[in-house]
């Protein structure tokens, strides 16, 4: 006798989850309004910031952010080649936060566009949703090659140890501060470098300053990764890092050192050509 097997196909909606043999409907994503950090001199206007939030069906205390968006309007009167935007999710200002950097390319004068991203997930467990989202432009490169960098505030200090400079032929892959000294790993590009020197910036709410270091001459035996341990910039050339203290939700305080970063200032190549970084504040900090 032939035994017949019966296959049963159960169609569940995309938001349905099965627990212990029962289909449980997952909650629909909720839209939560965000806030905009006002910045003087900004080349764009931001409107309607929000993020998508789902509350767990099996654990009501578990939350997950699944995306965010904001409308960006170019009010600068000129073409923006690249705009850097920062989305800051925070339980407490200055700490216990997560930052997402988004980029908008080629925004014509007067053009308005919705910047929308759903390529990340962030989950946490809490009794209620107390995560805040703040959106701000951090810098832009215009079609004519000029730049704008957001003014620095004590609320959002410069915490990068080294600046990212897209035009540089020598990239700082890693930088570590040890007391008042540093250790940097430098990665040359395709053009062979004969010598380099670093610079250091201090960017704080009360002002901007920079210093240039000493020239370091390389030899043919130098590897593809160059280690600079306070060679180009001696400890007495560095700016002391500032202390930034934040009060957490539970009343405790946390302190970070920041406000100072190094960068590649000048290069000499073995073919005799040279490269020099534009050291204006806007050019140095528009993408940092």
C-alpha atoms as a PDB file:
ATOM      1  CA  UNK A   1       0.000   0.000   0.000  1.00  0.00           C
ATOM      2  CA  UNK A   2       1.289   3.398  -0.961  1.00  0.00           C
ATOM      3  CA  UNK A   3       1.366   5.977   1.784  1.00  0.00           C
ATOM      4  CA  UNK A   4       0.469   9.471   0.748  1.00  0.00           C
ATOM      5  CA  UNK A   5       2.213  12.403   2.341  1.00  0.00           C
ATOM      6  CA  UNK A   6       0.231  15.574   2.718  1.00  0.00           C
ATOM      7  CA  UNK A   7       2.165  18.819   2.546  1.00  0.00           C
ATOM      8  CA  UNK A   8       0.442  21.840   4.059  1.00  0.00           C
ATOM      9  CA  UNK A   9       1.610  25.286   3.047  1.00  0.00           C
ATOM     10  CA  UNK A  10       0.887  28.027   5.541  1.00  0.00           C
ATOM     11  CA  UNK A  11       1.187  31.578   4.283  1.00  0.00           C
ATOM     12  CA  UNK A  12       2.175  34.100   6.883  1.00  0.00           C
ATOM     13  CA  UNK A  13       2.232  37.832   6.445  1.00  0.00           C
ATOM     14  CA  UNK A  14       5.721  39.441   6.289  1.00  0.00           C
ATOM     15  CA  UNK A  15       5.240  40.779   9.814  1.00  0.00           C
ATOM     16  CA  UNK A  16       4.195  37.471  11.355  1.00  0.00           C
ATOM     17  CA  UNK A  17       6.544  35.508  13.618  1.00  0.00           C
ATOM     18  CA  UNK A  18       5.949  31.956  14.884  1.00  0.00           C
ATOM     19  CA  UNK A  19       6.423  31.182  18.591  1.00  0.00           C
ATOM     20  CA  UNK A  20       5.740  27.697  20.038  1.00  0.00           C
ATOM     21  CA  UNK A  21       3.657  26.712  17.043  1.00  0.00           C
ATOM     22  CA  UNK A  22       1.508  29.850  17.051  1.00  0.00           C
ATOM     23  CA  UNK A  23       1.618  32.755  14.625  1.00  0.00           C
ATOM     24  CA  UNK A  24       2.102  36.073  16.390  1.00  0.00           C
ATOM     25  CA  UNK A  25       1.748  39.342  14.528  1.00  0.00           C
ATOM     26  CA  UNK A  26       4.804  41.575  14.864  1.00  0.00           C
ATOM     27  CA  UNK A  27       4.152  45.245  15.578  1.00  0.00           C
ATOM     28  CA  UNK A  28       4.331  47.688  12.694  1.00  0.00           C
ATOM     29  CA  UNK A  29       7.267  50.136  12.603  1.00  0.00           C
ATOM     30  CA  UNK A  30       6.516  53.441  14.285  1.00  0.00           C
ATOM     31  CA  UNK A  31       7.810  56.805  13.080  1.00  0.00           C
ATOM     32  CA  UNK A  32       9.550  58.824  15.797  1.00  0.00           C
ATOM     33  CA  UNK A  33      10.350  62.502  15.269  1.00  0.00           C
ATOM     34  CA  UNK A  34      13.958  63.615  15.565  1.00  0.00           C
ATOM     35  CA  UNK A  35      15.515  66.985  16.248  1.00  0.00           C
ATOM     36  CA  UNK A  36      17.749  69.280  14.194  1.00  0.00           C
ATOM     37  CA  UNK A  37      20.928  70.861  15.549  1.00  0.00           C
ATOM     38  CA  UNK A  38      20.876  74.527  14.435  1.00  0.00           C
ATOM     39  CA  UNK A  39      24.217  75.612  12.937  1.00  0.00           C
ATOM     40  CA  UNK A  40      25.199  79.098  11.817  1.00  0.00           C
ATOM     41  CA  UNK A  41      26.362  79.367   8.221  1.00  0.00           C
ATOM     42  CA  UNK A  42      24.874  76.028   7.187  1.00  0.00           C
ATOM     43  CA  UNK A  43      24.486  75.696   3.389  1.00  0.00           C
ATOM     44  CA  UNK A  44      21.367  73.539   3.785  1.00  0.00           C
ATOM     45  CA  UNK A  45      18.042  73.600   5.550  1.00  0.00           C
ATOM     46  CA  UNK A  46      16.833  70.400   7.209  1.00  0.00           C
ATOM     47  CA  UNK A  47      13.186  69.439   7.562  1.00  0.00           C
ATOM     48  CA  UNK A  48      11.138  66.582   9.026  1.00  0.00           C
ATOM     49  CA  UNK A  49      13.815  64.388  10.667  1.00  0.00           C
ATOM     50  CA  UNK A  50      12.522  61.013  11.853  1.00  0.00           C
ATOM     51  CA  UNK A  51      13.510  57.416  12.485  1.00  0.00           C
ATOM     52  CA  UNK A  52      11.725  54.071  12.284  1.00  0.00           C
ATOM     53  CA  UNK A  53      11.282  52.084  15.480  1.00  0.00           C
ATOM     54  CA  UNK A  54       9.988  48.543  16.069  1.00  0.00           C
ATOM     55  CA  UNK A  55       9.120  47.183  19.492  1.00  0.00           C
ATOM     56  CA  UNK A  56       9.808  43.484  19.999  1.00  0.00           C
ATOM     57  CA  UNK A  57       6.820  41.143  19.876  1.00  0.00           C
ATOM     58  CA  UNK A  58       8.362  38.502  22.140  1.00  0.00           C
ATOM     59  CA  UNK A  59      10.019  41.035  24.456  1.00  0.00           C
ATOM     60  CA  UNK A  60       8.102  44.335  24.783  1.00  0.00           C
ATOM     61  CA  UNK A  61      11.143  45.930  26.411  1.00  0.00           C
ATOM     62  CA  UNK A  62      13.309  45.376  23.340  1.00  0.00           C
ATOM     63  CA  UNK A  63      13.479  48.140  20.732  1.00  0.00           C
ATOM     64  CA  UNK A  64      15.100  48.244  17.306  1.00  0.00           C
ATOM     65  CA  UNK A  65      15.766  51.256  15.090  1.00  0.00           C
ATOM     66  CA  UNK A  66      15.509  50.263  11.434  1.00  0.00           C
ATOM     67  CA  UNK A  67      16.155  53.483   9.500  1.00  0.00           C
ATOM     68  CA  UNK A  68      16.027  57.272   9.407  1.00  0.00           C
ATOM     69  CA  UNK A  69      15.363  60.129   7.030  1.00  0.00           C
ATOM     70  CA  UNK A  70      15.426  63.918   6.676  1.00  0.00           C
ATOM     71  CA  UNK A  71      14.632  66.374   3.891  1.00  0.00           C
ATOM     72  CA  UNK A  72      17.676  68.389   2.770  1.00  0.00           C
ATOM     73  CA  UNK A  73      17.303  71.692   0.900  1.00  0.00           C
ATOM     74  CA  UNK A  74      20.322  73.444  -0.634  1.00  0.00           C
ATOM     75  CA  UNK A  75      20.025  77.090   0.442  1.00  0.00           C
ATOM     76  CA  UNK A  76      23.637  78.073  -0.313  1.00  0.00           C
ATOM     77  CA  UNK A  77      22.945  79.474  -3.776  1.00  0.00           C
ATOM     78  CA  UNK A  78      25.559  77.204  -5.392  1.00  0.00           C
ATOM     79  CA  UNK A  79      26.027  73.556  -6.268  1.00  0.00           C
ATOM     80  CA  UNK A  80      27.068  71.238  -3.454  1.00  0.00           C
ATOM     81  CA  UNK A  81      29.337  68.476  -4.736  1.00  0.00           C
ATOM     82  CA  UNK A  82      29.259  66.485  -1.504  1.00  0.00           C
ATOM     83  CA  UNK A  83      27.444  67.029   1.797  1.00  0.00           C
ATOM     84  CA  UNK A  84      28.247  65.163   5.005  1.00  0.00           C
ATOM     85  CA  UNK A  85      25.376  64.608   7.434  1.00  0.00           C
ATOM     86  CA  UNK A  86      25.550  63.225  10.952  1.00  0.00           C
ATOM     87  CA  UNK A  87      22.758  61.315  12.722  1.00  0.00           C
ATOM     88  CA  UNK A  88      23.423  61.043  16.444  1.00  0.00           C
ATOM     89  CA  UNK A  89      21.414  58.563  18.529  1.00  0.00           C
ATOM     90  CA  UNK A  90      21.936  59.206  22.204  1.00  0.00           C
ATOM     91  CA  UNK A  91      20.691  58.129  25.592  1.00  0.00           C
ATOM     92  CA  UNK A  92      22.799  60.895  27.140  1.00  0.00           C
ATOM     93  CA  UNK A  93      24.372  63.846  25.337  1.00  0.00           C
ATOM     94  CA  UNK A  94      28.052  63.233  24.597  1.00  0.00           C
ATOM     95  CA  UNK A  95      28.182  59.600  25.692  1.00  0.00           C
ATOM     96  CA  UNK A  96      26.306  56.330  25.300  1.00  0.00           C
ATOM     97  CA  UNK A  97      25.609  57.433  21.731  1.00  0.00           C
ATOM     98  CA  UNK A  98      25.844  55.983  18.259  1.00  0.00           C
ATOM     99  CA  UNK A  99      26.674  58.116  15.217  1.00  0.00           C
ATOM    100  CA  UNK A 100      25.810  57.455  11.585  1.00  0.00           C
ATOM    101  CA  UNK A 101      27.419  59.530   8.823  1.00  0.00           C
ATOM    102  CA  UNK A 102      25.413  59.872   5.621  1.00  0.00           C
ATOM    103  CA  UNK A 103      26.518  61.521   2.365  1.00  0.00           C
ATOM    104  CA  UNK A 104      24.552  63.475  -0.240  1.00  0.00           C
ATOM    105  CA  UNK A 105      26.212  63.961  -3.651  1.00  0.00           C
ATOM    106  CA  UNK A 106      25.517  66.687  -6.212  1.00  0.00           C
ATOM    107  CA  UNK A 107      22.784  68.848  -4.763  1.00  0.00           C
ATOM    108  CA  UNK A 108      22.019  71.745  -7.092  1.00  0.00           C
ATOM    109  CA  UNK A 109      21.297  75.236  -5.799  1.00  0.00           C
ATOM    110  CA  UNK A 110      17.723  75.295  -4.502  1.00  0.00           C
ATOM    111  CA  UNK A 111      17.307  71.534  -4.893  1.00  0.00           C
ATOM    112  CA  UNK A 112      15.473  69.617  -2.180  1.00  0.00           C
ATOM    113  CA  UNK A 113      15.956  65.889  -1.601  1.00  0.00           C
ATOM    114  CA  UNK A 114      14.919  63.324   0.997  1.00  0.00           C
ATOM    115  CA  UNK A 115      17.920  61.559   2.496  1.00  0.00           C
ATOM    116  CA  UNK A 116      16.678  58.140   3.543  1.00  0.00           C
ATOM    117  CA  UNK A 117      18.682  55.228   4.919  1.00  0.00           C
ATOM    118  CA  UNK A 118      17.576  51.796   6.089  1.00  0.00           C
ATOM    119  CA  UNK A 119      20.964  50.059   5.889  1.00  0.00           C
ATOM    120  CA  UNK A 120      21.540  49.766   9.620  1.00  0.00           C
ATOM    121  CA  UNK A 121      20.014  48.236  12.723  1.00  0.00           C
ATOM    122  CA  UNK A 122      20.419  49.285  16.328  1.00  0.00           C
ATOM    123  CA  UNK A 123      18.797  47.389  19.207  1.00  0.00           C
ATOM    124  CA  UNK A 124      18.656  47.885  22.947  1.00  0.00           C
ATOM    125  CA  UNK A 125      16.557  46.801  25.921  1.00  0.00           C
ATOM    126  CA  UNK A 126      14.692  49.335  28.058  1.00  0.00           C
ATOM    127  CA  UNK A 127      11.331  49.816  29.718  1.00  0.00           C
ATOM    128  CA  UNK A 128      10.483  52.701  27.366  1.00  0.00           C
ATOM    129  CA  UNK A 129      11.982  54.263  24.250  1.00  0.00           C
ATOM    130  CA  UNK A 130      14.237  57.067  25.482  1.00  0.00           C
ATOM    131  CA  UNK A 131      16.578  57.236  22.488  1.00  0.00           C
ATOM    132  CA  UNK A 132      16.840  60.670  20.886  1.00  0.00           C
ATOM    133  CA  UNK A 133      18.027  61.368  17.339  1.00  0.00           C
ATOM    134  CA  UNK A 134      19.712  64.619  16.340  1.00  0.00           C
ATOM    135  CA  UNK A 135      20.547  65.475  12.720  1.00  0.00           C
ATOM    136  CA  UNK A 136      23.122  68.034  11.583  1.00  0.00           C
ATOM    137  CA  UNK A 137      25.235  68.882   8.536  1.00  0.00           C
ATOM    138  CA  UNK A 138      28.926  68.633   9.409  1.00  0.00           C
ATOM    139  CA  UNK A 139      30.531  69.898   6.210  1.00  0.00           C
ATOM    140  CA  UNK A 140      30.256  70.331   2.475  1.00  0.00           C
ATOM    141  CA  UNK A 141      32.397  70.582  -0.635  1.00  0.00           C
ATOM    142  CA  UNK A 142      31.025  72.938  -3.280  1.00  0.00           C
ATOM    143  CA  UNK A 143      31.231  72.606  -7.036  1.00  0.00           C
ATOM    144  CA  UNK A 144      33.944  75.272  -7.221  1.00  0.00           C
ATOM    145  CA  UNK A 145      36.207  73.287  -4.859  1.00  0.00           C
ATOM    146  CA  UNK A 146      35.636  75.456  -1.768  1.00  0.00           C
ATOM    147  CA  UNK A 147      34.389  74.032   1.543  1.00  0.00           C
ATOM    148  CA  UNK A 148      32.268  74.699   4.603  1.00  0.00           C
ATOM    149  CA  UNK A 149      32.804  73.087   8.012  1.00  0.00           C
ATOM    150  CA  UNK A 150      30.284  73.245  10.826  1.00  0.00           C
ATOM    151  CA  UNK A 151      31.258  75.382  13.823  1.00  0.00           C
ATOM    152  CA  UNK A 152      32.554  73.410  16.775  1.00  0.00           C
ATOM    153  CA  UNK A 153      30.531  73.147  19.968  1.00  0.00           C
ATOM    154  CA  UNK A 154      31.193  71.711  23.414  1.00  0.00           C
ATOM    155  CA  UNK A 155      28.217  69.431  22.821  1.00  0.00           C
ATOM    156  CA  UNK A 156      29.906  67.785  19.813  1.00  0.00           C
ATOM    157  CA  UNK A 157      33.701  68.090  20.241  1.00  0.00           C
ATOM    158  CA  UNK A 158      36.390  66.925  17.853  1.00  0.00           C
ATOM    159  CA  UNK A 159      37.210  63.416  19.083  1.00  0.00           C
ATOM    160  CA  UNK A 160      39.072  62.129  16.005  1.00  0.00           C
ATOM    161  CA  UNK A 161      42.763  61.460  16.693  1.00  0.00           C
ATOM    162  CA  UNK A 162      43.648  62.140  13.038  1.00  0.00           C
ATOM    163  CA  UNK A 163      41.901  63.985  10.213  1.00  0.00           C
ATOM    164  CA  UNK A 164      40.660  62.237   7.088  1.00  0.00           C
ATOM    165  CA  UNK A 165      41.821  64.114   3.973  1.00  0.00           C
ATOM    166  CA  UNK A 166      40.561  62.620   0.685  1.00  0.00           C
ATOM    167  CA  UNK A 167      43.110  64.457  -1.503  1.00  0.00           C
ATOM    168  CA  UNK A 168      46.196  63.337   0.431  1.00  0.00           C
ATOM    169  CA  UNK A 169      48.592  60.776  -1.113  1.00  0.00           C
ATOM    170  CA  UNK A 170      49.614  59.661   2.397  1.00  0.00           C
ATOM    171  CA  UNK A 171      46.800  58.236   4.523  1.00  0.00           C
ATOM    172  CA  UNK A 172      46.834  58.054   8.319  1.00  0.00           C
ATOM    173  CA  UNK A 173      45.468  54.551   8.836  1.00  0.00           C
ATOM    174  CA  UNK A 174      45.683  54.571  12.609  1.00  0.00           C
ATOM    175  CA  UNK A 175      46.608  57.092  15.270  1.00  0.00           C
ATOM    176  CA  UNK A 176      46.907  56.459  18.997  1.00  0.00           C
ATOM    177  CA  UNK A 177      47.568  59.046  21.673  1.00  0.00           C
ATOM    178  CA  UNK A 178      49.867  57.995  24.504  1.00  0.00           C
ATOM    179  CA  UNK A 179      49.903  60.730  27.097  1.00  0.00           C
ATOM    180  CA  UNK A 180      51.079  63.835  25.250  1.00  0.00           C
ATOM    181  CA  UNK A 181      52.647  61.813  22.429  1.00  0.00           C
ATOM    182  CA  UNK A 182      51.199  59.910  19.472  1.00  0.00           C
ATOM    183  CA  UNK A 183      51.861  56.860  17.310  1.00  0.00           C
ATOM    184  CA  UNK A 184      50.611  57.013  13.726  1.00  0.00           C
ATOM    185  CA  UNK A 185      50.614  54.373  10.983  1.00  0.00           C
ATOM    186  CA  UNK A 186      50.910  56.004   7.554  1.00  0.00           C
ATOM    187  CA  UNK A 187      50.048  54.314   4.270  1.00  0.00           C
ATOM    188  CA  UNK A 188      51.529  55.854   1.078  1.00  0.00           C
ATOM    189  CA  UNK A 189      49.594  55.815  -2.181  1.00  0.00           C
ATOM    190  CA  UNK A 190      50.869  54.741  -5.596  1.00  0.00           C
ATOM    191  CA  UNK A 191      53.241  57.709  -6.010  1.00  0.00           C
ATOM    192  CA  UNK A 192      56.498  57.132  -4.149  1.00  0.00           C
ATOM    193  CA  UNK A 193      57.100  59.634  -1.366  1.00  0.00           C
ATOM    194  CA  UNK A 194      60.526  61.043  -0.544  1.00  0.00           C
ATOM    195  CA  UNK A 195      59.536  63.079   2.518  1.00  0.00           C
ATOM    196  CA  UNK A 196      56.517  64.188   4.526  1.00  0.00           C
ATOM    197  CA  UNK A 197      55.546  66.325   7.438  1.00  0.00           C
ATOM    198  CA  UNK A 198      52.514  66.304   9.644  1.00  0.00           C
ATOM    199  CA  UNK A 199      50.469  69.089  11.148  1.00  0.00           C
ATOM    200  CA  UNK A 200      48.275  69.343  14.219  1.00  0.00           C
ATOM    201  CA  UNK A 201      45.019  71.237  14.692  1.00  0.00           C
ATOM    202  CA  UNK A 202      43.188  72.421  17.756  1.00  0.00           C
ATOM    203  CA  UNK A 203      39.504  72.951  17.084  1.00  0.00           C
ATOM    204  CA  UNK A 204      37.444  74.087  20.055  1.00  0.00           C
ATOM    205  CA  UNK A 205      34.374  76.266  20.597  1.00  0.00           C
ATOM    206  CA  UNK A 206      36.651  79.180  21.521  1.00  0.00           C
ATOM    207  CA  UNK A 207      38.817  79.031  18.398  1.00  0.00           C
ATOM    208  CA  UNK A 208      40.926  77.191  15.833  1.00  0.00           C
ATOM    209  CA  UNK A 209      44.722  76.910  15.612  1.00  0.00           C
ATOM    210  CA  UNK A 210      47.300  74.736  13.853  1.00  0.00           C
ATOM    211  CA  UNK A 211      51.023  73.980  13.815  1.00  0.00           C
ATOM    212  CA  UNK A 212      53.246  72.277  11.250  1.00  0.00           C
ATOM    213  CA  UNK A 213      55.782  69.638  12.230  1.00  0.00           C
ATOM    214  CA  UNK A 214      59.248  68.673  11.011  1.00  0.00           C
ATOM    215  CA  UNK A 215      60.097  67.077   7.672  1.00  0.00           C
ATOM    216  CA  UNK A 216      60.720  63.327   7.796  1.00  0.00           C
ATOM    217  CA  UNK A 217      62.846  61.996   4.927  1.00  0.00           C
ATOM    218  CA  UNK A 218      62.248  58.420   3.806  1.00  0.00           C
ATOM    219  CA  UNK A 219      64.560  55.837   2.295  1.00  0.00           C
ATOM    220  CA  UNK A 220      64.019  53.057  -0.232  1.00  0.00           C
ATOM    221  CA  UNK A 221      63.951  50.570   2.639  1.00  0.00           C
ATOM    222  CA  UNK A 222      60.842  52.152   4.198  1.00  0.00           C
ATOM    223  CA  UNK A 223      57.933  49.713   4.081  1.00  0.00           C
ATOM    224  CA  UNK A 224      54.482  50.395   2.715  1.00  0.00           C
ATOM    225  CA  UNK A 225      53.361  51.174   6.261  1.00  0.00           C
ATOM    226  CA  UNK A 226      55.343  54.001   7.873  1.00  0.00           C
ATOM    227  CA  UNK A 227      55.356  54.256  11.654  1.00  0.00           C
ATOM    228  CA  UNK A 228      55.631  57.762  13.065  1.00  0.00           C
ATOM    229  CA  UNK A 229      56.074  57.827  16.850  1.00  0.00           C
ATOM    230  CA  UNK A 230      56.161  61.554  17.671  1.00  0.00           C
ATOM    231  CA  UNK A 231      58.741  61.981  14.899  1.00  0.00           C
ATOM    232  CA  UNK A 232      57.302  64.771  12.779  1.00  0.00           C
ATOM    233  CA  UNK A 233      55.521  66.419  15.711  1.00  0.00           C
ATOM    234  CA  UNK A 234      57.392  66.453  19.020  1.00  0.00           C
ATOM    235  CA  UNK A 235      55.422  66.582  22.285  1.00  0.00           C
ATOM    236  CA  UNK A 236      56.210  70.291  22.711  1.00  0.00           C
ATOM    237  CA  UNK A 237      54.710  70.998  19.266  1.00  0.00           C
ATOM    238  CA  UNK A 238      51.415  69.291  20.057  1.00  0.00           C
ATOM    239  CA  UNK A 239      48.453  71.124  21.521  1.00  0.00           C
ATOM    240  CA  UNK A 240      47.298  69.709  24.862  1.00  0.00           C
ATOM    241  CA  UNK A 241      43.997  67.913  24.516  1.00  0.00           C
ATOM    242  CA  UNK A 242      40.990  69.449  26.249  1.00  0.00           C
ATOM    243  CA  UNK A 243      38.772  67.736  28.823  1.00  0.00           C
ATOM    244  CA  UNK A 244      35.089  67.437  27.942  1.00  0.00           C
ATOM    245  CA  UNK A 245      32.790  66.367  30.775  1.00  0.00           C
ATOM    246  CA  UNK A 246      29.211  65.209  30.275  1.00  0.00           C
ATOM    247  CA  UNK A 247      26.481  64.467  32.809  1.00  0.00           C
ATOM    248  CA  UNK A 248      24.710  61.166  32.176  1.00  0.00           C
ATOM    249  CA  UNK A 249      21.045  60.393  32.697  1.00  0.00           C
ATOM    250  CA  UNK A 250      21.766  58.727  36.052  1.00  0.00           C
ATOM    251  CA  UNK A 251      23.662  61.769  37.329  1.00  0.00           C
ATOM    252  CA  UNK A 252      27.141  60.329  36.843  1.00  0.00           C
ATOM    253  CA  UNK A 253      29.752  62.228  34.862  1.00  0.00           C
ATOM    254  CA  UNK A 254      32.094  60.992  32.157  1.00  0.00           C
ATOM    255  CA  UNK A 255      35.154  62.808  30.806  1.00  0.00           C
ATOM    256  CA  UNK A 256      36.849  62.468  27.402  1.00  0.00           C
ATOM    257  CA  UNK A 257      39.977  64.106  26.006  1.00  0.00           C
ATOM    258  CA  UNK A 258      39.632  65.714  22.591  1.00  0.00           C
ATOM    259  CA  UNK A 259      39.780  68.825  20.474  1.00  0.00           C
ATOM    260  CA  UNK A 260      43.178  67.972  18.915  1.00  0.00           C
ATOM    261  CA  UNK A 261      44.000  65.928  15.793  1.00  0.00           C
ATOM    262  CA  UNK A 262      46.978  65.422  13.504  1.00  0.00           C
ATOM    263  CA  UNK A 263      46.949  65.517   9.693  1.00  0.00           C
ATOM    264  CA  UNK A 264      49.252  65.142   6.684  1.00  0.00           C
ATOM    265  CA  UNK A 265      50.406  68.668   5.825  1.00  0.00           C
ATOM    266  CA  UNK A 266      52.992  68.403   3.015  1.00  0.00           C
ATOM    267  CA  UNK A 267      54.629  65.791   0.793  1.00  0.00           C
ATOM    268  CA  UNK A 268      57.670  65.586  -1.459  1.00  0.00           C
ATOM    269  CA  UNK A 269      57.761  62.862  -4.138  1.00  0.00           C
ATOM    270  CA  UNK A 270      60.826  61.157  -5.575  1.00  0.00           C
ATOM    271  CA  UNK A 271      60.103  62.744  -8.985  1.00  0.00           C
ATOM    272  CA  UNK A 272      60.543  66.186  -7.428  1.00  0.00           C
ATOM    273  CA  UNK A 273      56.855  67.134  -7.321  1.00  0.00           C
ATOM    274  CA  UNK A 274      55.250  68.400  -4.115  1.00  0.00           C
ATOM    275  CA  UNK A 275      51.787  68.404  -2.538  1.00  0.00           C
ATOM    276  CA  UNK A 276      50.490  70.771   0.136  1.00  0.00           C
ATOM    277  CA  UNK A 277      47.260  70.503   2.071  1.00  0.00           C
ATOM    278  CA  UNK A 278      44.966  73.530   2.173  1.00  0.00           C
ATOM    279  CA  UNK A 279      45.180  74.418   5.869  1.00  0.00           C
ATOM    280  CA  UNK A 280      42.081  76.587   6.161  1.00  0.00           C
ATOM    281  CA  UNK A 281      39.681  75.348   8.817  1.00  0.00           C
ATOM    282  CA  UNK A 282      36.917  74.633   6.296  1.00  0.00           C
ATOM    283  CA  UNK A 283      39.219  72.585   4.035  1.00  0.00           C
ATOM    284  CA  UNK A 284      40.634  70.572   6.939  1.00  0.00           C
ATOM    285  CA  UNK A 285      37.437  69.856   8.861  1.00  0.00           C
ATOM    286  CA  UNK A 286      34.593  69.689   6.323  1.00  0.00           C
ATOM    287  CA  UNK A 287      34.631  65.861   6.332  1.00  0.00           C
ATOM    288  CA  UNK A 288      35.862  65.350   9.912  1.00  0.00           C
END
